Each structure stands twice: as C-alpha cells, then as structure tokens.
Amino acid sequence: MKKFFGAMLTVLLILSAVTAHAAKFGDNYRLEKVLILSRHNLRAPHIKEVQELTNRKWFDWIVNSSELSLRGGLSETALGEYFNRYLIDEGFMPTNYRPAEGEVRFYANAHQRTIATAQFFSSGMLPVANVRIEHNEFEKRDPIFAARLHFMNDKFRADAEKELLESRGVNDSRELNEKFSANLELLNKTLDFKNSPYAKKHNVKDFTAPDAKLLIEANGQPALPAFETAVDASNALILQYYETGTAFGKKLSAKQWQEISDVVGYLDRLVGTPKISVNIARPLIDVMADELHNDARKFTFLCGHETNIISVLGALRVEDYSLPDTVEPRAPIGSKLVIEKRRGADGSAYATLNLVYPSTKQLQNIEPLTLENPPKIFPLRLKGLQVNADGLYLFDDVMNRFAEVDAEYDALNAG
C-alpha cells in the first residue's frame, strides 16, 4: 500500500509540474506567434588554425573544421523536442503538427553548422513535417547574417571606437593587453603555448599583444587583429570543454573556464555596443520585423551565430545581463532569442522576450529536455519600456522598438 501511495504521489507531482508550466500565463494570454533567432549548436573549432597552438592532443571532433559536432546535433534535437512539448502544451499546435504552406519558416545562414542546426531542431520540433530549410548558396556569405558594418563615416568611426573602449573601461586599445593579462596567462599555461609549434615558428612566448589596435572598417566586423590567435585558442578550448569537461584531461575551476571564455566574449561584445549593433544588425532586424508582422506566419526559426544574437539585442536596447549556468554569459552554444506574441483576455496583443539555452551540464550530459527538465529560460528587459503586472510588453511597443532601429540606422549613416 505504501508503494502504491508513493507511486501515486510521484505521478501527482509530475502532473502538477506540467500543469504549473502550462499555467504560467494560463488562459489569460493565448500564444499566437513564435519567432526564434538561434545560435548554431556545438561545432568543431577551426581545426587547422588551432593544431599548432599546443603540443597537447585536441579532442577528435570527427567532423570537418567548423561543422556541427555529433553532440551538437543531439543537443539541438533535444531543444527541438522541448519546444515540441512546450508548444503542444500551450495549445499552439497539435501533436504531429504538419503546418500549412507559409505557416512556418526555417531560414539559416549558408554554413554547414547553421543549416544542420536548423535541420536538427526541425526534426525535434516537427518530426513528421519534413521541413525545408531556406538558405543561400551553400557556404556563400549571406548579408542578412553577416556581422559586418554596412556603412562608415568619420563621425561613426570615432563614436564607435569610443563606446567600444568605454564598454571595457579602458582609454586606449593598447590597455586591453593589461586588462586581459590574467586571462592570457591562463591561456598560455593551459596550452603550454610557449613550447607550441606556433610559438617557435613565430618566435613568440605568449599571447600578449602590446600593440593591439581596434579595426573598424566598412564591410568588416569590428576586430582586434592582435588578439585573433588568442581568440581562436580560447574558442577551441571552450568547444572542447563542452565535449570532454576538461582541458586536455585537466580539470579547471568554473572561474578559470569563465576567464578563458571572456577572451572570446570580449570579441563578441565588439558587435553589441549601441551604435555598432544598429549598423550591423539592421538587415536581420528588418527580417525579424517582417516575420512578426506576417499574419500568416505562426512560427519562424532563424539560425545564425552568437554575433547575430548579441548585435540584435544591442540594437533593440536590451538591458545588460549575465546568463547563469554557462561559461558563455551572453549567447551560449545553442542559445535562442525567443519572441512570443500573445493575445490577452482583454483583446490586446502582448509580447515576451527570453533567451533559451542548454546549461553547460545539460549540454555535456546530452540531457533530454522536457517540461520537467527544461533548458534555461532567461527573461530579457528592454530599456525604456514597461511590462505589465504579468511581465509582458505591449506587442506594439516592441514593434515600435524594431522600427526605431531603422530610424537610428538612417541617422547614423547620415553622419
């Protein structure tokens, strides 16, 4: 009898968890539309570039350089399966939903890792729909997803450099070397960089770059060329950490992994400052606005890169944030900006913005993602806009923010 009641209690707890998830907004806000801007999932690093940075043996990714890894495919399928359960639970779509023409759109940048991410997500979310992934010619640059400056003038260059330096609390780009000295030293030790083939070939002993200069040019991504090698190394270590949980078999602390990630994170932040983000993200912002305005569209999945998410959030003037349970606090592997349009009981349209992403633990363990074990869901706040008592924005206020990006872009371009 005790076993029976114990089993019944377990069932009731599970059911109550599902009900609680579904009742977040209850019947007061019916889900009408979902737009997702996703970063690709776990990939191999630029293998050729990092092989010479250490004598230690890298993880064998099996796949080609920069392509989605096996773990990345499994993780993205799990994310798709979570959204399948969530959207069915919300009454947004039926089980085994096969959308009518034009109801859904999957559009990815034309790289293997982004197309494959969209494909794996669609397999998890819409397993019987045979979704077509829209993309440009394979491996050809798509301007919608390119993290490139679309215009340049003297005033913009000066303002952009100033806000980049201020965002890191330095007065000159050369001070960045001092700012990141501890991070770079950790990188040196983790790789034993001084004894690497690269160090011997280029007659260097570490990753320091005393002559670091910002590069801000039209048709290019804001860059710090002197740090590119360190960024490649940090990126590869983080990708390997997701796969193995170690640095060449050696365990590092969470703080140390964060310090390694911060080297990549700074370069990502170059596209997220106010003026630069508007310049870069405007084409993608326009696509997102069109999708949100499209009454026939129920669901949109756009797949690009962390720079796309970071620049879009910067352009929309999202309040600063730091994500928990990940070593990438801005736009982790597989992360998704999720914008939902809901219809309130009062007849008004509302919107929510969240970042949804697998935690490091979920990614490393390839955990099934369910309503009881969901991915991390982090609410975003837009500067200058007010939410109602239930935490939702008026949909028109959010769409006005999208329109403001166009106006700001034109003003900056005019100089």
Protein backbone atom coordinates (compact mmCIF):
# COMPACT_ATOMS: atom_id res chain seq x y z
CA MET A 1 0.00 0.00 0.00
CA LYS A 2 2.83 2.40 0.85
CA LYS A 3 4.42 1.68 -2.53
CA PHE A 4 1.08 2.41 -4.22
CA PHE A 5 0.66 5.77 -2.49
CA GLY A 6 4.32 6.59 -3.17
CA ALA A 7 3.82 5.92 -6.86
CA MET A 8 0.61 7.96 -6.91
CA LEU A 9 2.39 10.87 -5.21
CA THR A 10 5.14 10.76 -7.83
CA VAL A 11 2.56 10.86 -10.63
CA LEU A 12 0.74 13.77 -8.99
CA LEU A 13 3.97 15.72 -8.58
CA ILE A 14 4.81 15.20 -12.25
CA LEU A 15 1.32 16.25 -13.32
CA SER A 16 1.44 19.32 -11.10
CA ALA A 17 4.79 20.30 -12.61
CA VAL A 18 3.35 20.04 -16.12
CA THR A 19 0.26 21.99 -15.08
CA ALA A 20 2.37 24.68 -13.46
CA HIS A 21 4.41 25.02 -16.64
CA ALA A 22 1.30 25.30 -18.81
CA ALA A 23 -0.32 27.72 -16.38
CA LYS A 24 2.46 30.31 -16.49
CA PHE A 25 0.09 32.65 -18.31
CA GLY A 26 -2.98 30.40 -18.13
CA ASP A 27 -5.87 31.28 -20.42
CA ASN A 28 -5.23 34.99 -19.98
CA TYR A 29 -2.62 35.17 -22.76
CA ARG A 30 -3.09 32.84 -25.73
CA LEU A 31 0.08 32.12 -27.72
CA GLU A 32 -0.33 33.29 -31.33
CA LYS A 33 3.15 33.54 -32.82
CA VAL A 34 6.73 32.46 -32.04
CA LEU A 35 9.95 33.81 -33.55
CA ILE A 36 13.30 32.24 -32.67
CA LEU A 37 16.72 33.67 -33.52
CA SER A 38 19.14 30.85 -32.77
CA ARG A 39 22.87 30.44 -32.48
CA HIS A 40 24.13 27.22 -34.07
CA ASN A 41 24.82 24.37 -31.69
CA LEU A 42 28.15 22.78 -30.74
CA ARG A 43 30.68 22.63 -33.58
CA ALA A 44 34.28 21.70 -34.22
CA PRO A 45 36.76 24.59 -33.98
CA HIS A 46 38.82 25.96 -36.84
CA ILE A 47 40.94 22.83 -36.56
CA LYS A 48 43.78 23.79 -38.88
CA GLU A 49 44.35 27.09 -37.05
CA VAL A 50 44.49 25.60 -33.54
CA GLN A 51 46.51 22.44 -34.13
CA GLU A 52 49.81 24.31 -33.90
CA LEU A 53 48.88 26.25 -30.75
CA THR A 54 49.78 23.37 -28.44
CA ASN A 55 51.66 20.08 -28.39
CA ARG A 56 48.76 18.57 -26.46
CA LYS A 57 46.19 16.42 -28.24
CA TRP A 58 42.88 18.06 -29.04
CA PHE A 59 39.59 16.20 -28.81
CA ASP A 60 38.82 14.28 -32.01
CA TRP A 61 35.73 16.04 -33.34
CA ILE A 62 35.39 13.53 -36.23
CA VAL A 63 33.59 16.16 -38.34
CA ASN A 64 35.32 18.73 -40.53
CA SER A 65 36.54 22.09 -39.27
CA SER A 66 33.70 24.38 -38.10
CA GLU A 67 30.98 21.79 -38.76
CA LEU A 68 28.28 20.80 -36.26
CA SER A 69 29.53 18.02 -33.98
CA LEU A 70 27.65 14.85 -33.07
CA ARG A 71 26.93 16.25 -29.61
CA GLY A 72 25.73 19.47 -31.22
CA GLY A 73 23.22 17.57 -33.34
CA LEU A 74 21.92 15.63 -30.34
CA SER A 75 21.65 18.79 -28.24
CA GLU A 76 19.76 20.66 -30.94
CA THR A 77 17.34 17.78 -31.45
CA ALA A 78 16.67 17.82 -27.70
CA LEU A 79 15.96 21.56 -27.88
CA GLY A 80 13.55 20.96 -30.76
CA GLU A 81 11.82 18.22 -28.78
CA TYR A 82 11.44 20.57 -25.82
CA PHE A 83 9.75 23.20 -27.99
CA ASN A 84 7.52 20.48 -29.44
CA ARG A 85 6.28 19.59 -25.95
CA TYR A 86 6.05 23.21 -24.84
CA LEU A 87 4.08 24.39 -27.88
CA ILE A 88 1.70 21.43 -27.72
CA ASP A 89 1.21 22.09 -24.01
CA GLU A 90 0.45 25.75 -24.83
CA GLY A 91 -2.23 24.70 -27.33
CA PHE A 92 -0.20 26.40 -30.05
CA MET A 93 -0.03 23.31 -32.28
CA PRO A 94 -1.38 19.75 -32.30
CA THR A 95 0.66 16.58 -31.87
CA ASN A 96 2.45 15.64 -35.11
CA TYR A 97 1.73 19.10 -36.50
CA ARG A 98 2.13 19.39 -40.25
CA PRO A 99 1.92 23.11 -41.00
CA ALA A 100 0.09 24.53 -43.98
CA GLU A 101 2.06 26.38 -46.65
CA GLY A 102 3.50 29.59 -45.21
CA GLU A 103 2.69 28.87 -41.55
CA VAL A 104 6.31 28.16 -40.61
CA ARG A 105 9.67 29.37 -41.92
CA PHE A 106 13.13 27.95 -41.25
CA TYR A 107 15.90 30.20 -42.58
CA ALA A 108 19.60 29.61 -41.85
CA ASN A 109 22.91 31.16 -42.73
CA ALA A 110 24.54 29.17 -45.53
CA HIS A 111 27.15 27.35 -43.41
CA GLN A 112 27.01 23.65 -42.60
CA ARG A 113 26.73 24.30 -38.84
CA THR A 114 23.78 26.69 -39.18
CA ILE A 115 21.87 24.66 -41.77
CA ALA A 116 22.43 21.47 -39.77
CA THR A 117 21.31 23.18 -36.54
CA ALA A 118 18.05 24.24 -38.20
CA GLN A 119 17.59 20.72 -39.59
CA PHE A 120 18.13 19.01 -36.23
CA PHE A 121 15.84 21.50 -34.45
CA SER A 122 13.08 20.96 -37.02
CA SER A 123 13.42 17.17 -36.63
CA GLY A 124 12.86 17.50 -32.90
CA MET A 125 10.06 20.05 -33.04
CA LEU A 126 8.22 18.94 -36.20
CA PRO A 127 9.27 15.30 -36.67
CA VAL A 128 6.73 14.45 -39.39
CA ALA A 129 6.62 17.79 -41.23
CA ASN A 130 9.68 17.32 -43.49
CA VAL A 131 10.58 20.99 -43.07
CA ARG A 132 12.56 22.72 -45.81
CA ILE A 133 15.50 24.79 -44.57
CA GLU A 134 15.80 28.01 -46.55
CA HIS A 135 19.35 29.25 -47.17
CA ASN A 136 21.54 30.96 -49.74
CA GLU A 137 24.06 29.10 -51.89
CA PHE A 138 25.98 26.72 -49.61
CA GLU A 139 28.97 28.32 -47.85
CA LYS A 140 28.38 31.64 -49.61
CA ARG A 141 28.09 34.74 -47.45
CA ASP A 142 24.51 35.76 -46.64
CA PRO A 143 24.32 39.52 -45.94
CA ILE A 144 21.37 39.00 -43.58
CA PHE A 145 23.54 37.06 -41.13
CA ALA A 146 26.88 38.79 -41.82
CA ALA A 147 28.19 40.58 -38.72
CA ARG A 148 29.58 43.38 -40.88
CA LEU A 149 29.43 47.16 -40.71
CA HIS A 150 27.18 48.29 -43.53
CA PHE A 151 28.29 51.92 -43.64
CA MET A 152 31.18 54.03 -42.40
CA ASN A 153 31.88 57.73 -41.91
CA ASP A 154 34.39 59.63 -39.79
CA LYS A 155 31.91 60.51 -37.04
CA PHE A 156 30.64 56.95 -36.77
CA ARG A 157 34.18 55.52 -36.59
CA ALA A 158 35.17 57.92 -33.79
CA ASP A 159 31.97 57.33 -31.81
CA ALA A 160 32.16 53.56 -32.30
CA GLU A 161 35.75 53.34 -31.07
CA LYS A 162 34.92 55.47 -28.05
CA GLU A 163 31.97 53.32 -26.99
CA LEU A 164 33.97 50.12 -27.52
CA LEU A 165 36.76 51.32 -25.23
CA GLU A 166 34.32 52.66 -22.64
CA SER A 167 32.50 49.32 -22.59
CA ARG A 168 35.71 47.69 -21.33
CA GLY A 169 36.76 50.51 -19.01
CA VAL A 170 39.93 51.47 -20.90
CA ASN A 171 41.12 54.67 -22.57
CA ASP A 172 43.19 53.12 -25.34
CA SER A 173 43.13 49.81 -27.21
CA ARG A 174 46.67 49.10 -26.02
CA GLU A 175 45.37 48.97 -22.45
CA LEU A 176 43.37 45.89 -23.39
CA ASN A 177 46.54 43.81 -23.15
CA GLU A 178 46.81 44.74 -19.46
CA LYS A 179 43.08 44.27 -18.96
CA PHE A 180 43.29 40.67 -20.18
CA SER A 181 46.74 39.80 -18.83
CA ALA A 182 45.44 37.23 -16.32
CA ASN A 183 43.17 35.62 -18.95
CA LEU A 184 46.01 35.39 -21.46
CA GLU A 185 48.40 33.95 -18.86
CA LEU A 186 45.87 31.22 -18.04
CA LEU A 187 45.57 30.51 -21.75
CA ASN A 188 49.36 30.28 -22.07
CA LYS A 189 49.59 27.75 -19.23
CA THR A 190 46.60 25.65 -20.31
CA LEU A 191 48.04 25.19 -23.81
CA ASP A 192 51.72 25.25 -22.80
CA PHE A 193 51.81 27.77 -25.60
CA LYS A 194 55.48 28.75 -25.26
CA ASN A 195 56.51 25.24 -26.38
CA SER A 196 54.00 25.03 -29.23
CA PRO A 197 54.92 24.79 -32.93
CA TYR A 198 53.20 28.16 -33.47
CA ALA A 199 55.29 29.92 -30.79
CA LYS A 200 58.53 28.53 -32.20
CA LYS A 201 57.60 29.34 -35.79
CA HIS A 202 56.65 32.94 -34.98
CA ASN A 203 59.29 33.46 -32.27
CA VAL A 204 56.77 34.39 -29.57
CA LYS A 205 56.43 33.21 -25.98
CA ASP A 206 52.85 34.12 -25.09
CA PHE A 207 49.60 35.68 -26.30
CA THR A 208 50.31 39.22 -25.14
CA ALA A 209 49.66 41.94 -27.71
CA PRO A 210 51.08 45.29 -26.54
CA ASP A 211 50.36 46.90 -29.92
CA ALA A 212 46.68 45.94 -30.02
CA LYS A 213 44.58 48.22 -32.21
CA LEU A 214 40.88 48.27 -32.96
CA LEU A 215 39.95 47.79 -36.60
CA ILE A 216 36.65 49.44 -37.54
CA GLU A 217 36.07 49.44 -41.29
CA ALA A 218 33.10 49.31 -43.66
CA ASN A 219 32.13 45.78 -44.79
CA GLY A 220 34.16 44.29 -41.94
CA GLN A 221 33.43 43.07 -38.44
CA PRO A 222 34.93 45.21 -35.65
CA ALA A 223 38.14 43.41 -34.75
CA LEU A 224 41.27 43.29 -32.65
CA PRO A 225 43.67 41.53 -35.06
CA ALA A 226 46.42 41.25 -32.43
CA PHE A 227 44.14 39.02 -30.32
CA GLU A 228 42.85 36.76 -33.11
CA THR A 229 45.15 33.85 -32.26
CA ALA A 230 44.22 34.03 -28.57
CA VAL A 231 40.53 34.11 -29.51
CA ASP A 232 40.91 31.02 -31.74
CA ALA A 233 42.64 29.22 -28.87
CA SER A 234 40.01 30.22 -26.29
CA ASN A 235 37.18 29.28 -28.61
CA ALA A 236 38.66 25.83 -29.25
CA LEU A 237 39.18 25.22 -25.53
CA ILE A 238 35.55 26.11 -24.75
CA LEU A 239 34.27 23.85 -27.54
CA GLN A 240 36.48 21.05 -26.21
CA TYR A 241 35.21 21.71 -22.66
CA TYR A 242 31.63 21.11 -23.77
CA GLU A 243 32.71 17.79 -25.29
CA THR A 244 35.02 16.47 -22.55
CA GLY A 245 34.58 18.65 -19.44
CA THR A 246 38.35 19.12 -19.21
CA ALA A 247 41.33 20.93 -20.72
CA PHE A 248 43.37 18.09 -22.21
CA GLY A 249 42.36 15.86 -19.30
CA LYS A 250 42.99 18.52 -16.65
CA LYS A 251 40.05 19.90 -14.69
CA LEU A 252 39.83 23.68 -14.39
CA SER A 253 37.62 25.59 -11.97
CA ALA A 254 34.42 27.30 -13.11
CA LYS A 255 36.18 30.63 -12.59
CA GLN A 256 39.07 29.57 -14.84
CA TRP A 257 36.71 28.47 -17.60
CA GLN A 258 34.96 31.81 -17.31
CA GLU A 259 38.30 33.60 -17.68
CA ILE A 260 39.09 31.62 -20.83
CA SER A 261 35.62 32.31 -22.21
CA ASP A 262 35.99 36.03 -21.51
CA VAL A 263 38.68 36.28 -24.22
CA VAL A 264 36.15 35.17 -26.84
CA GLY A 265 33.41 37.13 -25.11
CA TYR A 266 35.21 40.42 -25.49
CA LEU A 267 35.43 39.98 -29.25
CA ASP A 268 31.72 39.12 -29.32
CA ARG A 269 30.97 42.29 -27.36
CA LEU A 270 32.53 44.33 -30.17
CA VAL A 271 29.29 43.86 -32.12
CA GLY A 272 26.97 44.62 -29.19
CA THR A 273 27.66 48.25 -28.35
CA PRO A 274 24.78 50.66 -29.13
CA LYS A 275 25.89 52.27 -32.39
CA ILE A 276 27.80 49.32 -33.82
CA SER A 277 24.92 46.91 -33.15
CA VAL A 278 22.49 49.11 -35.09
CA ASN A 279 24.91 49.32 -38.03
CA ILE A 280 25.45 45.55 -38.10
CA ALA A 281 22.04 44.13 -37.18
CA ARG A 282 19.71 46.31 -39.27
CA PRO A 283 19.17 43.75 -42.14
CA LEU A 284 18.39 40.94 -39.68
CA ILE A 285 16.21 43.24 -37.56
CA ASP A 286 14.16 44.02 -40.69
CA VAL A 287 13.69 40.31 -41.45
CA MET A 288 12.55 39.69 -37.88
CA ALA A 289 10.11 42.61 -38.01
CA ASP A 290 8.65 41.34 -41.29
CA GLU A 291 8.16 37.89 -39.78
CA LEU A 292 6.45 39.29 -36.69
CA HIS A 293 4.15 41.41 -38.86
CA ASN A 294 3.27 38.48 -41.15
CA ASP A 295 -0.23 37.43 -40.09
CA ALA A 296 0.02 34.13 -41.99
CA ARG A 297 3.19 33.07 -40.17
CA LYS A 298 2.86 31.14 -36.92
CA PHE A 299 6.45 30.09 -36.32
CA THR A 300 9.82 31.38 -37.55
CA PHE A 301 13.27 29.88 -36.91
CA LEU A 302 16.29 31.93 -37.97
CA CYS A 303 19.69 30.32 -37.41
CA GLY A 304 22.94 32.24 -37.33
CA HIS A 305 25.69 32.96 -34.84
CA GLU A 306 26.33 34.46 -31.40
CA THR A 307 27.22 37.75 -33.09
CA ASN A 308 23.71 37.84 -34.57
CA ILE A 309 22.05 37.46 -31.17
CA ILE A 310 24.40 39.91 -29.46
CA SER A 311 24.06 42.60 -32.14
CA VAL A 312 20.26 42.24 -32.33
CA LEU A 313 19.92 42.55 -28.55
CA GLY A 314 22.23 45.57 -28.59
CA ALA A 315 20.23 47.24 -31.36
CA LEU A 316 16.94 46.59 -29.52
CA ARG A 317 18.49 48.16 -26.39
CA VAL A 318 18.13 45.16 -24.11
CA GLU A 319 19.28 45.78 -20.54
CA ASP A 320 22.66 44.29 -19.66
CA TYR A 321 22.54 40.70 -18.42
CA SER A 322 24.72 37.73 -17.50
CA LEU A 323 23.33 34.23 -18.01
CA PRO A 324 23.67 31.64 -15.22
CA ASP A 325 24.85 28.02 -15.52
CA THR A 326 27.02 28.58 -18.57
CA VAL A 327 30.58 29.73 -19.26
CA GLU A 328 29.27 31.90 -22.12
CA PRO A 329 27.16 34.54 -20.34
CA ARG A 330 25.91 36.42 -23.43
CA ALA A 331 24.87 33.99 -26.19
CA PRO A 332 25.91 30.41 -25.37
CA ILE A 333 26.12 27.50 -27.79
CA GLY A 334 22.61 26.60 -28.99
CA SER A 335 21.05 29.69 -27.37
CA LYS A 336 17.87 31.18 -28.75
CA LEU A 337 16.26 34.59 -28.58
CA VAL A 338 12.57 33.67 -28.35
CA ILE A 339 9.95 36.34 -29.04
CA GLU A 340 6.36 35.31 -28.38
CA LYS A 341 3.23 37.18 -29.41
CA ARG A 342 0.26 36.53 -27.15
CA ARG A 343 -3.36 37.65 -27.20
CA GLY A 344 -4.60 38.86 -23.83
CA ALA A 345 -8.05 38.24 -22.41
CA ASP A 346 -8.58 41.98 -22.90
CA GLY A 347 -8.09 41.58 -26.67
CA SER A 348 -4.71 43.35 -26.73
CA ALA A 349 -1.55 41.84 -28.23
CA TYR A 350 1.40 41.30 -25.90
CA ALA A 351 4.99 40.10 -26.29
CA THR A 352 7.68 38.36 -24.26
CA LEU A 353 11.41 38.12 -24.96
CA ASN A 354 13.52 35.33 -23.46
CA LEU A 355 16.90 33.74 -24.01
CA VAL A 356 16.53 29.95 -24.00
CA TYR A 357 19.68 27.82 -23.85
CA PRO A 358 21.02 24.50 -22.58
CA SER A 359 23.07 24.76 -19.41
CA THR A 360 26.65 23.52 -19.56
CA LYS A 361 25.59 20.42 -17.60
CA GLN A 362 22.67 19.70 -19.93
CA LEU A 363 24.92 20.05 -22.96
CA GLN A 364 27.75 17.91 -21.58
CA ASN A 365 25.37 15.17 -20.42
CA ILE A 366 23.16 15.40 -23.54
CA GLU A 367 20.16 15.51 -21.21
CA PRO A 368 16.63 15.09 -22.60
CA LEU A 369 14.89 18.47 -22.32
CA THR A 370 11.31 18.25 -21.13
CA LEU A 371 8.72 20.35 -19.33
CA GLU A 372 10.12 18.87 -16.10
CA ASN A 373 13.77 19.39 -17.14
CA PRO A 374 13.58 22.44 -19.40
CA PRO A 375 16.50 24.37 -20.83
CA LYS A 376 17.40 27.60 -19.07
CA ILE A 377 14.87 30.37 -19.74
CA PHE A 378 16.09 33.90 -19.02
CA PRO A 379 13.69 36.88 -19.39
CA LEU A 380 15.07 39.94 -21.16
CA ARG A 381 14.16 43.55 -20.43
CA LEU A 382 14.04 46.37 -22.98
CA LYS A 383 15.38 49.72 -21.80
CA GLY A 384 12.69 52.38 -21.58
CA LEU A 385 9.72 50.01 -21.98
CA GLN A 386 7.37 48.95 -19.21
CA VAL A 387 5.96 45.47 -18.65
CA ASN A 388 2.51 44.85 -17.22
CA ALA A 389 1.82 43.10 -13.92
CA ASP A 390 2.35 39.71 -15.59
CA GLY A 391 5.70 40.65 -17.10
CA LEU A 392 4.59 41.18 -20.72
CA TYR A 393 5.18 44.08 -23.09
CA LEU A 394 2.56 45.52 -25.38
CA PHE A 395 3.29 43.97 -28.77
CA ASP A 396 3.04 47.36 -30.49
CA ASP A 397 5.68 48.78 -28.12
CA VAL A 398 8.08 46.01 -29.11
CA MET A 399 7.40 46.52 -32.81
CA ASN A 400 7.97 50.26 -32.38
CA ARG A 401 11.38 49.41 -30.92
CA PHE A 402 12.16 47.45 -34.11
CA ALA A 403 11.13 50.48 -36.18
CA GLU A 404 13.37 52.73 -34.08
CA VAL A 405 16.38 50.67 -35.20
CA ASP A 406 15.69 51.65 -38.82
CA ALA A 407 15.41 55.32 -37.89
CA GLU A 408 18.62 55.23 -35.84
CA TYR A 409 20.46 53.44 -38.65
CA ASP A 410 19.50 56.18 -41.12
CA ALA A 411 20.56 58.92 -38.70
CA LEU A 412 23.95 57.29 -38.05
CA ASN A 413 24.52 56.72 -41.76
CA ALA A 414 23.83 60.38 -42.48
CA GLY A 415 26.68 61.31 -40.14
